N, C-alpha and C. Protein backbone atom coordinates (compact mmCIF):
# COMPACT_ATOMS: atom_id res chain seq x y z
N UNK A 1 11.01 -0.82 -47.44
CA UNK A 1 11.64 -1.88 -46.66
C UNK A 1 12.96 -2.26 -47.28
N UNK A 2 14.01 -2.30 -46.49
CA UNK A 2 15.35 -2.62 -47.00
C UNK A 2 15.43 -4.09 -47.40
N UNK A 3 16.25 -4.36 -48.41
CA UNK A 3 16.43 -5.73 -48.90
C UNK A 3 17.91 -6.01 -49.18
N UNK A 4 18.24 -7.29 -49.20
CA UNK A 4 19.56 -7.75 -49.63
C UNK A 4 19.44 -8.23 -51.07
N UNK A 5 20.19 -7.59 -51.96
CA UNK A 5 20.18 -7.92 -53.38
C UNK A 5 21.49 -8.62 -53.74
N UNK A 6 21.39 -9.66 -54.55
CA UNK A 6 22.60 -10.30 -55.08
C UNK A 6 22.56 -10.21 -56.60
N UNK A 7 23.48 -9.41 -57.15
CA UNK A 7 23.66 -9.29 -58.59
C UNK A 7 24.79 -10.22 -59.00
N UNK A 8 24.47 -11.23 -59.78
CA UNK A 8 25.48 -12.24 -60.13
C UNK A 8 25.55 -12.40 -61.64
N UNK A 9 26.70 -12.90 -62.09
CA UNK A 9 26.88 -13.17 -63.51
C UNK A 9 28.19 -13.89 -63.71
N UNK A 10 28.48 -14.21 -64.96
CA UNK A 10 29.82 -14.64 -65.34
C UNK A 10 30.70 -13.38 -65.43
N UNK A 11 31.93 -13.55 -65.89
CA UNK A 11 32.82 -12.40 -66.03
C UNK A 11 32.38 -11.45 -67.14
N UNK A 12 32.84 -10.21 -67.02
CA UNK A 12 32.69 -9.22 -68.08
C UNK A 12 31.23 -8.91 -68.41
N UNK A 13 30.39 -8.95 -67.39
CA UNK A 13 28.98 -8.59 -67.59
C UNK A 13 28.69 -7.19 -67.07
N UNK A 14 29.71 -6.52 -66.55
CA UNK A 14 29.53 -5.16 -66.08
C UNK A 14 29.06 -5.04 -64.64
N UNK A 15 29.43 -6.01 -63.81
CA UNK A 15 28.98 -5.97 -62.41
C UNK A 15 29.50 -4.74 -61.68
N UNK A 16 30.80 -4.47 -61.79
CA UNK A 16 31.37 -3.33 -61.08
C UNK A 16 30.86 -2.02 -61.66
N UNK A 17 30.68 -1.95 -62.96
CA UNK A 17 30.10 -0.76 -63.58
C UNK A 17 28.69 -0.52 -63.05
N UNK A 18 27.91 -1.57 -62.92
CA UNK A 18 26.55 -1.47 -62.39
C UNK A 18 26.58 -1.00 -60.94
N UNK A 19 27.52 -1.52 -60.17
CA UNK A 19 27.67 -1.10 -58.77
C UNK A 19 27.95 0.39 -58.68
N UNK A 20 28.91 0.85 -59.47
CA UNK A 20 29.30 2.26 -59.42
C UNK A 20 28.18 3.17 -59.93
N UNK A 21 27.44 2.71 -60.91
CA UNK A 21 26.30 3.50 -61.40
C UNK A 21 25.21 3.59 -60.34
N UNK A 22 24.97 2.48 -59.64
CA UNK A 22 23.97 2.48 -58.57
C UNK A 22 24.38 3.44 -57.46
N UNK A 23 25.66 3.42 -57.10
CA UNK A 23 26.15 4.33 -56.07
C UNK A 23 25.97 5.78 -56.51
N UNK A 24 26.28 6.05 -57.76
CA UNK A 24 26.12 7.41 -58.30
C UNK A 24 24.66 7.85 -58.25
N UNK A 25 23.76 6.94 -58.57
CA UNK A 25 22.33 7.28 -58.55
C UNK A 25 21.88 7.70 -57.15
N UNK A 26 22.34 6.99 -56.13
CA UNK A 26 22.02 7.37 -54.76
C UNK A 26 22.59 8.75 -54.43
N UNK A 27 23.87 8.93 -54.76
CA UNK A 27 24.55 10.19 -54.42
C UNK A 27 23.94 11.37 -55.15
N UNK A 28 23.47 11.14 -56.36
CA UNK A 28 22.86 12.21 -57.16
C UNK A 28 21.59 12.74 -56.49
N UNK A 29 21.00 11.91 -55.65
CA UNK A 29 19.79 12.29 -54.94
C UNK A 29 20.07 12.71 -53.50
N UNK A 30 21.33 13.02 -53.23
CA UNK A 30 21.71 13.53 -51.93
C UNK A 30 21.85 12.48 -50.85
N UNK A 31 21.96 11.21 -51.25
CA UNK A 31 22.06 10.12 -50.29
C UNK A 31 23.50 9.63 -50.20
N UNK A 32 23.84 9.01 -49.08
CA UNK A 32 25.20 8.55 -48.85
C UNK A 32 25.30 7.04 -49.07
N UNK A 33 26.37 6.63 -49.75
CA UNK A 33 26.60 5.21 -49.99
C UNK A 33 27.90 4.77 -49.34
N UNK A 34 27.95 3.50 -49.02
CA UNK A 34 29.15 2.88 -48.47
C UNK A 34 29.52 1.72 -49.38
N UNK A 35 30.69 1.82 -50.02
CA UNK A 35 31.17 0.77 -50.92
C UNK A 35 32.21 -0.06 -50.18
N UNK A 36 32.01 -1.37 -50.15
CA UNK A 36 32.92 -2.29 -49.49
C UNK A 36 33.62 -3.15 -50.54
N UNK A 37 34.91 -3.44 -50.31
CA UNK A 37 35.65 -4.30 -51.23
C UNK A 37 36.55 -5.24 -50.45
N UNK A 38 36.78 -6.41 -51.02
CA UNK A 38 37.56 -7.45 -50.36
C UNK A 38 39.06 -7.22 -50.50
N UNK A 39 39.79 -7.52 -49.44
CA UNK A 39 41.26 -7.41 -49.48
C UNK A 39 41.87 -8.46 -50.39
N UNK A 40 41.11 -9.49 -50.75
CA UNK A 40 41.64 -10.55 -51.62
C UNK A 40 41.97 -10.01 -53.00
N UNK A 41 41.15 -9.12 -53.50
CA UNK A 41 41.34 -8.58 -54.84
C UNK A 41 42.08 -7.25 -54.76
N UNK A 42 43.37 -7.27 -55.09
CA UNK A 42 44.18 -6.05 -54.99
C UNK A 42 44.74 -5.62 -56.34
N UNK A 43 44.06 -5.99 -57.42
CA UNK A 43 44.56 -5.65 -58.76
C UNK A 43 44.75 -4.15 -58.95
N UNK A 44 43.85 -3.36 -58.41
CA UNK A 44 43.91 -1.91 -58.61
C UNK A 44 44.37 -1.19 -57.36
N UNK A 45 44.95 -1.93 -56.43
CA UNK A 45 45.37 -1.34 -55.17
C UNK A 45 44.33 -1.57 -54.10
N UNK A 46 44.69 -1.27 -52.88
CA UNK A 46 43.79 -1.47 -51.75
C UNK A 46 42.83 -0.29 -51.61
N UNK A 47 41.59 -0.60 -51.29
CA UNK A 47 40.62 0.45 -51.01
C UNK A 47 40.12 1.20 -52.22
N UNK A 48 40.00 0.50 -53.34
CA UNK A 48 39.45 1.13 -54.54
C UNK A 48 38.67 0.07 -55.34
N UNK A 49 37.54 0.48 -55.88
CA UNK A 49 36.76 -0.36 -56.77
C UNK A 49 36.84 0.26 -58.16
N UNK A 50 37.23 -0.54 -59.15
CA UNK A 50 37.43 -0.02 -60.49
C UNK A 50 36.85 -0.99 -61.51
N UNK A 51 36.13 -0.45 -62.48
CA UNK A 51 35.54 -1.28 -63.53
C UNK A 51 36.49 -1.37 -64.72
N UNK A 52 36.20 -2.30 -65.62
CA UNK A 52 37.04 -2.49 -66.80
C UNK A 52 36.99 -1.29 -67.74
N UNK A 53 35.91 -0.48 -67.68
CA UNK A 53 35.82 0.67 -68.58
C UNK A 53 36.39 1.93 -67.94
N UNK A 54 37.00 1.79 -66.76
CA UNK A 54 37.72 2.90 -66.17
C UNK A 54 37.03 3.64 -65.05
N UNK A 55 35.77 3.34 -64.77
CA UNK A 55 35.09 3.99 -63.65
C UNK A 55 35.67 3.48 -62.35
N UNK A 56 35.78 4.33 -61.35
CA UNK A 56 36.32 3.88 -60.08
C UNK A 56 35.82 4.74 -58.94
N UNK A 57 35.97 4.19 -57.73
CA UNK A 57 35.54 4.89 -56.53
C UNK A 57 36.32 4.35 -55.35
N UNK A 58 36.59 5.19 -54.34
CA UNK A 58 37.20 4.67 -53.11
C UNK A 58 36.25 3.69 -52.43
N UNK A 59 36.83 2.76 -51.69
CA UNK A 59 36.02 1.77 -50.98
C UNK A 59 36.61 1.51 -49.61
N UNK A 60 35.79 0.93 -48.75
CA UNK A 60 36.25 0.51 -47.43
C UNK A 60 36.63 -0.96 -47.53
N UNK A 61 37.86 -1.26 -47.16
CA UNK A 61 38.39 -2.60 -47.31
C UNK A 61 37.95 -3.49 -46.15
N UNK A 62 37.64 -4.75 -46.47
CA UNK A 62 37.36 -5.71 -45.41
C UNK A 62 38.19 -6.97 -45.62
N UNK A 63 38.52 -7.62 -44.51
CA UNK A 63 39.30 -8.85 -44.52
C UNK A 63 38.35 -10.05 -44.48
N UNK A 64 38.92 -11.24 -44.58
CA UNK A 64 38.11 -12.46 -44.58
C UNK A 64 37.43 -12.71 -43.24
N UNK A 65 37.97 -12.12 -42.17
CA UNK A 65 37.37 -12.32 -40.86
C UNK A 65 36.70 -11.06 -40.31
N UNK A 66 36.51 -10.05 -41.15
CA UNK A 66 35.86 -8.81 -40.72
C UNK A 66 34.39 -9.03 -40.42
N UNK A 67 33.92 -8.48 -39.31
CA UNK A 67 32.49 -8.49 -39.01
C UNK A 67 31.86 -7.33 -39.79
N UNK A 68 31.09 -7.64 -40.81
CA UNK A 68 30.57 -6.60 -41.69
C UNK A 68 29.49 -5.75 -41.05
N UNK A 69 28.75 -6.31 -40.11
CA UNK A 69 27.75 -5.50 -39.39
C UNK A 69 28.46 -4.43 -38.58
N UNK A 70 29.51 -4.80 -37.87
CA UNK A 70 30.27 -3.83 -37.09
C UNK A 70 30.94 -2.80 -38.01
N UNK A 71 31.44 -3.26 -39.14
CA UNK A 71 32.11 -2.36 -40.08
C UNK A 71 31.14 -1.31 -40.61
N UNK A 72 29.96 -1.73 -40.97
CA UNK A 72 28.96 -0.78 -41.47
C UNK A 72 28.58 0.21 -40.38
N UNK A 73 28.40 -0.26 -39.15
CA UNK A 73 28.05 0.64 -38.04
C UNK A 73 29.12 1.70 -37.83
N UNK A 74 30.38 1.34 -38.10
CA UNK A 74 31.48 2.29 -37.93
C UNK A 74 31.49 3.37 -39.00
N UNK A 75 30.76 3.15 -40.09
CA UNK A 75 30.78 4.11 -41.21
C UNK A 75 29.40 4.70 -41.49
N UNK A 76 28.55 4.72 -40.49
CA UNK A 76 27.26 5.39 -40.62
C UNK A 76 27.44 6.89 -40.53
N UNK A 77 26.57 7.70 -41.14
CA UNK A 77 25.34 7.26 -41.82
C UNK A 77 25.60 6.75 -43.23
N UNK A 78 24.74 5.84 -43.65
CA UNK A 78 24.78 5.30 -45.01
C UNK A 78 23.36 4.93 -45.41
N UNK A 79 22.99 5.35 -46.60
CA UNK A 79 21.66 5.04 -47.10
C UNK A 79 21.63 3.75 -47.91
N UNK A 80 22.82 3.29 -48.33
CA UNK A 80 22.92 2.06 -49.09
C UNK A 80 24.33 1.51 -48.96
N UNK A 81 24.45 0.19 -48.82
CA UNK A 81 25.75 -0.48 -48.80
C UNK A 81 25.90 -1.26 -50.09
N UNK A 82 27.03 -1.07 -50.77
CA UNK A 82 27.30 -1.79 -52.01
C UNK A 82 28.60 -2.57 -51.83
N UNK A 83 28.61 -3.82 -52.25
CA UNK A 83 29.75 -4.69 -51.99
C UNK A 83 30.20 -5.37 -53.27
N UNK A 84 31.48 -5.20 -53.60
CA UNK A 84 32.06 -5.79 -54.80
C UNK A 84 32.73 -7.12 -54.46
N UNK A 85 32.84 -8.00 -55.44
CA UNK A 85 33.49 -9.31 -55.28
C UNK A 85 32.84 -10.12 -54.16
N UNK A 86 31.53 -10.19 -54.18
CA UNK A 86 30.79 -10.83 -53.10
C UNK A 86 31.04 -12.33 -53.02
N UNK A 87 31.58 -12.92 -54.08
CA UNK A 87 31.87 -14.35 -54.02
C UNK A 87 32.91 -14.68 -52.96
N UNK A 88 33.71 -13.68 -52.56
CA UNK A 88 34.76 -13.92 -51.57
C UNK A 88 34.26 -13.88 -50.13
N UNK A 89 33.00 -13.58 -49.92
CA UNK A 89 32.45 -13.53 -48.57
C UNK A 89 32.41 -14.92 -47.94
N UNK A 90 32.50 -14.94 -46.62
CA UNK A 90 32.28 -16.19 -45.88
C UNK A 90 30.79 -16.32 -45.58
N UNK A 91 30.39 -17.50 -45.15
CA UNK A 91 29.01 -17.71 -44.74
C UNK A 91 28.62 -16.73 -43.64
N UNK A 92 29.52 -16.55 -42.66
CA UNK A 92 29.25 -15.64 -41.55
C UNK A 92 29.06 -14.21 -42.04
N UNK A 93 29.85 -13.79 -43.02
CA UNK A 93 29.75 -12.42 -43.52
C UNK A 93 28.46 -12.20 -44.29
N UNK A 94 27.99 -13.20 -45.01
CA UNK A 94 26.69 -13.05 -45.68
C UNK A 94 25.59 -12.90 -44.64
N UNK A 95 25.68 -13.67 -43.56
CA UNK A 95 24.70 -13.54 -42.48
C UNK A 95 24.74 -12.14 -41.88
N UNK A 96 25.95 -11.59 -41.74
CA UNK A 96 26.10 -10.23 -41.20
C UNK A 96 25.46 -9.21 -42.14
N UNK A 97 25.51 -9.44 -43.43
CA UNK A 97 24.84 -8.54 -44.37
C UNK A 97 23.33 -8.60 -44.19
N UNK A 98 22.80 -9.78 -43.88
CA UNK A 98 21.36 -9.85 -43.60
C UNK A 98 21.02 -9.05 -42.34
N UNK A 99 21.94 -8.98 -41.39
CA UNK A 99 21.73 -8.17 -40.19
C UNK A 99 21.75 -6.68 -40.52
N UNK A 100 22.62 -6.29 -41.45
CA UNK A 100 22.64 -4.89 -41.88
C UNK A 100 21.26 -4.49 -42.41
N UNK A 101 20.66 -5.39 -43.19
CA UNK A 101 19.33 -5.13 -43.75
C UNK A 101 18.26 -5.18 -42.67
N UNK A 102 18.26 -6.24 -41.87
CA UNK A 102 17.15 -6.48 -40.93
C UNK A 102 17.22 -5.61 -39.68
N UNK A 103 18.43 -5.36 -39.18
CA UNK A 103 18.58 -4.57 -37.96
C UNK A 103 18.71 -3.07 -38.23
N UNK A 104 19.51 -2.73 -39.24
CA UNK A 104 19.77 -1.31 -39.53
C UNK A 104 18.83 -0.75 -40.59
N UNK A 105 18.10 -1.63 -41.25
CA UNK A 105 17.18 -1.21 -42.32
C UNK A 105 17.90 -0.43 -43.43
N UNK A 106 19.07 -0.93 -43.79
CA UNK A 106 19.86 -0.35 -44.89
C UNK A 106 19.91 -1.37 -46.02
N UNK A 107 19.53 -1.00 -47.24
CA UNK A 107 19.63 -1.95 -48.35
C UNK A 107 21.08 -2.29 -48.66
N UNK A 108 21.31 -3.53 -49.03
CA UNK A 108 22.65 -4.00 -49.40
C UNK A 108 22.59 -4.55 -50.81
N UNK A 109 23.49 -4.06 -51.67
CA UNK A 109 23.61 -4.54 -53.04
C UNK A 109 24.96 -5.25 -53.17
N UNK A 110 24.93 -6.57 -53.30
CA UNK A 110 26.16 -7.36 -53.40
C UNK A 110 26.33 -7.85 -54.83
N UNK A 111 27.55 -7.73 -55.35
CA UNK A 111 27.85 -8.09 -56.73
C UNK A 111 28.95 -9.14 -56.76
N UNK A 112 28.76 -10.19 -57.55
CA UNK A 112 29.80 -11.20 -57.62
C UNK A 112 29.53 -12.29 -58.64
N UNK A 113 30.51 -13.18 -58.75
CA UNK A 113 30.37 -14.36 -59.58
C UNK A 113 29.52 -15.39 -58.86
N UNK A 114 28.86 -16.22 -59.64
CA UNK A 114 28.09 -17.31 -59.04
C UNK A 114 28.97 -18.54 -58.84
N UNK A 115 29.72 -18.93 -59.87
CA UNK A 115 30.53 -20.14 -59.80
C UNK A 115 31.98 -19.88 -60.18
N UNK A 116 32.86 -20.80 -59.77
CA UNK A 116 34.28 -20.69 -60.08
C UNK A 116 34.59 -21.39 -61.40
N UNK A 117 35.90 -21.53 -61.71
CA UNK A 117 36.29 -22.10 -63.00
C UNK A 117 36.03 -23.61 -63.09
N UNK A 118 35.69 -24.23 -61.96
CA UNK A 118 35.31 -25.64 -61.97
C UNK A 118 33.79 -25.83 -62.03
N UNK A 119 33.07 -24.72 -62.09
CA UNK A 119 31.62 -24.80 -62.12
C UNK A 119 30.99 -25.00 -60.76
N UNK A 120 31.75 -24.73 -59.70
CA UNK A 120 31.26 -24.91 -58.34
C UNK A 120 31.01 -23.56 -57.68
N UNK A 121 30.04 -23.51 -56.79
CA UNK A 121 29.69 -22.26 -56.12
C UNK A 121 30.80 -21.78 -55.21
N UNK A 122 31.05 -20.47 -55.22
CA UNK A 122 31.85 -19.86 -54.18
C UNK A 122 31.03 -19.86 -52.89
N UNK A 123 31.71 -19.83 -51.75
CA UNK A 123 31.00 -19.82 -50.48
C UNK A 123 30.08 -18.61 -50.35
N UNK A 124 30.60 -17.45 -50.68
CA UNK A 124 29.79 -16.25 -50.57
C UNK A 124 28.57 -16.29 -51.47
N UNK A 125 28.77 -16.75 -52.69
CA UNK A 125 27.66 -16.83 -53.65
C UNK A 125 26.63 -17.85 -53.21
N UNK A 126 27.08 -18.95 -52.64
CA UNK A 126 26.17 -20.00 -52.18
C UNK A 126 25.16 -19.45 -51.18
N UNK A 127 25.65 -18.68 -50.21
CA UNK A 127 24.75 -18.20 -49.16
C UNK A 127 23.99 -16.94 -49.57
N UNK A 128 24.54 -16.19 -50.51
CA UNK A 128 23.76 -15.09 -51.06
C UNK A 128 22.58 -15.62 -51.87
N UNK A 129 22.81 -16.67 -52.63
CA UNK A 129 21.72 -17.29 -53.38
C UNK A 129 20.65 -17.83 -52.43
N UNK A 130 21.09 -18.29 -51.26
CA UNK A 130 20.15 -18.86 -50.30
C UNK A 130 19.39 -17.80 -49.51
N UNK A 131 20.06 -16.69 -49.17
CA UNK A 131 19.50 -15.75 -48.20
C UNK A 131 19.11 -14.39 -48.76
N UNK A 132 19.52 -14.05 -49.97
CA UNK A 132 19.18 -12.73 -50.51
C UNK A 132 17.67 -12.61 -50.74
N UNK A 133 17.17 -11.39 -50.58
CA UNK A 133 15.75 -11.13 -50.86
C UNK A 133 15.47 -11.08 -52.35
N UNK A 134 16.44 -10.57 -53.10
CA UNK A 134 16.27 -10.43 -54.55
C UNK A 134 17.52 -10.95 -55.25
N UNK A 135 17.34 -11.80 -56.26
CA UNK A 135 18.43 -12.31 -57.09
C UNK A 135 18.31 -11.68 -58.47
N UNK A 136 19.40 -11.07 -58.94
CA UNK A 136 19.38 -10.35 -60.21
C UNK A 136 20.55 -10.84 -61.07
N UNK A 137 20.23 -11.44 -62.21
CA UNK A 137 21.28 -11.91 -63.10
C UNK A 137 21.66 -10.81 -64.09
N UNK A 138 22.95 -10.53 -64.19
CA UNK A 138 23.47 -9.62 -65.20
C UNK A 138 24.02 -10.48 -66.33
N UNK A 139 23.59 -10.22 -67.53
CA UNK A 139 23.87 -11.13 -68.64
C UNK A 139 25.08 -10.68 -69.45
N UNK A 140 25.79 -11.67 -69.98
CA UNK A 140 26.87 -11.43 -70.93
C UNK A 140 26.85 -12.55 -71.96
N UNK A 141 27.69 -12.42 -73.00
CA UNK A 141 27.60 -13.30 -74.15
C UNK A 141 28.86 -14.15 -74.32
N UNK A 142 28.66 -15.42 -74.63
CA UNK A 142 29.74 -16.34 -74.99
C UNK A 142 30.17 -16.05 -76.43
N UNK A 143 31.41 -16.42 -76.77
CA UNK A 143 31.87 -16.19 -78.15
C UNK A 143 31.09 -17.02 -79.16
N UNK A 144 30.31 -18.00 -78.69
CA UNK A 144 29.46 -18.79 -79.59
C UNK A 144 28.16 -18.07 -79.93
N UNK A 145 27.90 -16.97 -79.23
CA UNK A 145 26.66 -16.23 -79.43
C UNK A 145 25.59 -16.56 -78.43
N UNK A 146 25.80 -17.60 -77.63
CA UNK A 146 24.84 -17.97 -76.59
C UNK A 146 25.10 -17.16 -75.33
N UNK A 147 24.14 -17.20 -74.41
CA UNK A 147 24.34 -16.52 -73.13
C UNK A 147 25.45 -17.21 -72.36
N UNK A 148 26.39 -16.42 -71.83
CA UNK A 148 27.48 -16.97 -71.03
C UNK A 148 27.05 -17.05 -69.57
N UNK A 149 27.13 -18.24 -69.01
CA UNK A 149 26.73 -18.44 -67.62
C UNK A 149 27.85 -19.00 -66.76
N UNK A 150 28.98 -19.36 -67.38
CA UNK A 150 30.06 -20.00 -66.64
C UNK A 150 31.39 -19.34 -66.98
N UNK A 151 32.38 -19.59 -66.12
CA UNK A 151 33.72 -19.04 -66.31
C UNK A 151 34.71 -20.19 -66.42
N UNK A 152 35.57 -20.15 -67.43
CA UNK A 152 36.58 -21.19 -67.59
C UNK A 152 37.97 -20.57 -67.52
N UNK A 153 38.89 -21.27 -66.88
CA UNK A 153 40.28 -20.81 -66.78
C UNK A 153 41.07 -21.48 -67.89
N UNK A 154 41.80 -20.68 -68.67
CA UNK A 154 42.54 -21.22 -69.80
C UNK A 154 44.00 -20.79 -69.75
N UNK A 155 44.85 -21.55 -70.46
CA UNK A 155 46.26 -21.21 -70.56
C UNK A 155 46.50 -20.39 -71.83
N UNK A 156 47.78 -20.16 -72.14
CA UNK A 156 48.11 -19.31 -73.28
C UNK A 156 47.71 -19.93 -74.62
N UNK A 157 47.43 -21.23 -74.63
CA UNK A 157 47.00 -21.91 -75.85
C UNK A 157 45.48 -21.99 -75.97
N UNK A 158 44.81 -21.44 -74.98
CA UNK A 158 43.35 -21.48 -75.00
C UNK A 158 42.76 -22.77 -74.51
N UNK A 159 43.59 -23.61 -73.88
CA UNK A 159 43.12 -24.88 -73.35
C UNK A 159 42.74 -24.74 -71.89
N UNK A 160 41.79 -25.55 -71.46
CA UNK A 160 41.27 -25.44 -70.10
C UNK A 160 42.30 -25.85 -69.06
N UNK A 161 42.35 -25.08 -67.98
CA UNK A 161 43.10 -25.47 -66.79
C UNK A 161 42.07 -25.98 -65.79
N UNK A 162 42.18 -27.23 -65.43
CA UNK A 162 41.14 -27.87 -64.62
C UNK A 162 41.51 -28.01 -63.15
N UNK A 163 42.74 -27.65 -62.79
CA UNK A 163 43.16 -27.77 -61.40
C UNK A 163 43.67 -26.46 -60.85
N UNK A 164 44.02 -26.46 -59.57
CA UNK A 164 44.55 -25.26 -58.94
C UNK A 164 43.59 -24.68 -57.93
N UNK A 165 44.05 -23.63 -57.26
CA UNK A 165 43.26 -23.00 -56.21
C UNK A 165 42.01 -22.35 -56.79
N UNK A 166 40.96 -22.31 -55.98
CA UNK A 166 39.71 -21.69 -56.42
C UNK A 166 39.91 -20.20 -56.69
N UNK A 167 40.65 -19.54 -55.81
CA UNK A 167 40.89 -18.11 -55.94
C UNK A 167 42.33 -17.88 -56.34
N UNK A 168 42.54 -17.26 -57.47
CA UNK A 168 43.88 -16.98 -57.96
C UNK A 168 43.89 -15.63 -58.64
N UNK A 169 44.51 -14.66 -58.00
CA UNK A 169 44.58 -13.30 -58.53
C UNK A 169 45.86 -13.16 -59.34
N UNK A 170 45.74 -12.69 -60.57
CA UNK A 170 46.92 -12.49 -61.39
C UNK A 170 47.38 -13.79 -62.04
N UNK A 171 48.63 -13.82 -62.52
CA UNK A 171 49.15 -15.00 -63.19
C UNK A 171 48.97 -14.91 -64.69
N UNK A 172 49.44 -15.95 -65.39
CA UNK A 172 49.38 -15.95 -66.85
C UNK A 172 48.07 -16.49 -67.39
N UNK A 173 47.28 -17.11 -66.52
CA UNK A 173 46.02 -17.67 -66.99
C UNK A 173 45.02 -16.56 -67.30
N UNK A 174 44.08 -16.91 -68.14
CA UNK A 174 42.97 -16.01 -68.42
C UNK A 174 41.67 -16.71 -68.05
N UNK A 175 40.67 -15.92 -67.78
CA UNK A 175 39.34 -16.44 -67.49
C UNK A 175 38.39 -15.91 -68.54
N UNK A 176 37.59 -16.79 -69.10
CA UNK A 176 36.69 -16.41 -70.18
C UNK A 176 35.27 -16.86 -69.83
N UNK A 177 34.31 -16.01 -70.08
CA UNK A 177 32.91 -16.36 -69.86
C UNK A 177 32.38 -17.12 -71.07
N UNK A 178 31.76 -18.26 -70.80
CA UNK A 178 31.26 -19.12 -71.87
C UNK A 178 29.89 -19.69 -71.49
N UNK A 179 29.21 -20.24 -72.49
CA UNK A 179 27.95 -20.94 -72.23
C UNK A 179 28.25 -22.27 -71.55
N UNK A 180 27.22 -22.89 -70.99
CA UNK A 180 27.42 -24.18 -70.33
C UNK A 180 27.92 -25.24 -71.32
N UNK A 181 27.35 -25.26 -72.52
CA UNK A 181 27.76 -26.24 -73.52
C UNK A 181 29.22 -26.05 -73.92
N UNK A 182 29.63 -24.81 -74.11
CA UNK A 182 31.01 -24.53 -74.48
C UNK A 182 31.95 -24.84 -73.32
N UNK A 183 31.51 -24.56 -72.11
CA UNK A 183 32.30 -24.88 -70.92
C UNK A 183 32.60 -26.38 -70.87
N UNK A 184 31.58 -27.20 -71.06
CA UNK A 184 31.77 -28.65 -70.99
C UNK A 184 32.71 -29.13 -72.10
N UNK A 185 32.57 -28.56 -73.27
CA UNK A 185 33.42 -28.97 -74.40
C UNK A 185 34.89 -28.68 -74.12
N UNK A 186 35.17 -27.48 -73.66
CA UNK A 186 36.55 -27.07 -73.44
C UNK A 186 37.13 -27.69 -72.17
N UNK A 187 36.34 -27.72 -71.11
CA UNK A 187 36.82 -28.23 -69.83
C UNK A 187 37.23 -29.70 -69.94
N UNK A 188 36.54 -30.46 -70.78
CA UNK A 188 36.84 -31.88 -70.93
C UNK A 188 37.81 -32.16 -72.07
N UNK A 189 38.47 -31.10 -72.57
CA UNK A 189 39.56 -31.27 -73.53
C UNK A 189 39.14 -31.51 -74.96
N UNK A 190 37.93 -31.13 -75.33
CA UNK A 190 37.45 -31.36 -76.69
C UNK A 190 37.56 -30.11 -77.57
N UNK A 191 38.36 -29.17 -77.15
CA UNK A 191 38.54 -27.95 -77.93
C UNK A 191 39.27 -26.90 -77.12
N UNK A 192 39.41 -25.75 -77.69
CA UNK A 192 40.04 -24.64 -76.97
C UNK A 192 39.41 -23.32 -77.40
N UNK A 193 39.77 -22.28 -76.66
CA UNK A 193 39.30 -20.94 -77.01
C UNK A 193 40.17 -20.41 -78.14
N UNK A 194 39.54 -19.90 -79.18
CA UNK A 194 40.30 -19.40 -80.32
C UNK A 194 41.18 -18.22 -79.91
N UNK A 195 42.34 -18.06 -80.57
CA UNK A 195 43.25 -16.95 -80.23
C UNK A 195 42.57 -15.59 -80.26
N UNK A 196 41.62 -15.39 -81.16
CA UNK A 196 40.95 -14.09 -81.23
C UNK A 196 40.18 -13.79 -79.96
N UNK A 197 39.68 -14.84 -79.29
CA UNK A 197 38.97 -14.64 -78.03
C UNK A 197 39.96 -14.31 -76.92
N UNK A 198 41.11 -14.98 -76.90
CA UNK A 198 42.11 -14.73 -75.86
C UNK A 198 42.64 -13.31 -75.95
N UNK A 199 42.74 -12.76 -77.17
CA UNK A 199 43.33 -11.44 -77.34
C UNK A 199 42.42 -10.31 -76.93
N UNK A 200 41.17 -10.63 -76.58
CA UNK A 200 40.28 -9.58 -76.09
C UNK A 200 40.83 -9.00 -74.79
N UNK A 201 40.50 -7.74 -74.48
CA UNK A 201 41.04 -7.11 -73.26
C UNK A 201 40.36 -7.64 -72.00
N UNK A 202 40.60 -8.91 -71.71
CA UNK A 202 40.00 -9.53 -70.53
C UNK A 202 40.85 -9.26 -69.30
N UNK A 203 40.22 -9.30 -68.14
CA UNK A 203 40.96 -9.21 -66.89
C UNK A 203 41.77 -10.49 -66.70
N UNK A 204 42.81 -10.42 -65.86
CA UNK A 204 43.63 -11.57 -65.58
C UNK A 204 43.10 -12.40 -64.43
N UNK A 205 41.89 -12.14 -63.98
CA UNK A 205 41.29 -12.95 -62.93
C UNK A 205 39.78 -12.82 -63.03
N UNK A 206 39.02 -13.67 -62.34
CA UNK A 206 37.59 -13.74 -62.56
C UNK A 206 36.77 -12.90 -61.62
N UNK A 207 37.22 -11.73 -61.30
CA UNK A 207 36.49 -10.99 -60.30
C UNK A 207 35.65 -9.85 -60.84
N UNK A 208 35.80 -9.50 -62.10
CA UNK A 208 34.99 -8.43 -62.65
C UNK A 208 34.44 -8.85 -64.00
């Protein structure tokens, strides 16, 4: 029976790597996969999914108003649909993914962040948490050694940026995965991220 899976985590937990490995596993068994990616994230160009460790694959691009059920039907046959940056989905698009599962009987694996730099749910993540058949947390580590569950936006001094748009691709800011306790400390101005943490090869946005 097909299911809708939501793989969520903070940044740098290997979500895109996991997606590409899952796609490879299907293909290795002679099955066809359909990888979808959002037009919002264009760091590596349009129509490509790429992980921080260099793995990549072509993808089918969708816009914020794309009907994902119709899009999947246009690219059949497919034995599995995999979707990167699922936090960018709208409520309607998450519902359309449930239709892919329920009507077409095709499993859907969606990967994304749970919360933004303010600790608030993205729209796509909110409804995936509500409607997915299976919720799977991918774990990563805070620089304190605790499990990182949140993402904080920082400036070049390692201090928290508490305002601005929810979605911001590129720019001078960095996003760092931290524990809840560390998030509260830094977000409320009681400390900063050490320079050694900032110098890590982090992405310039919170999508992978």
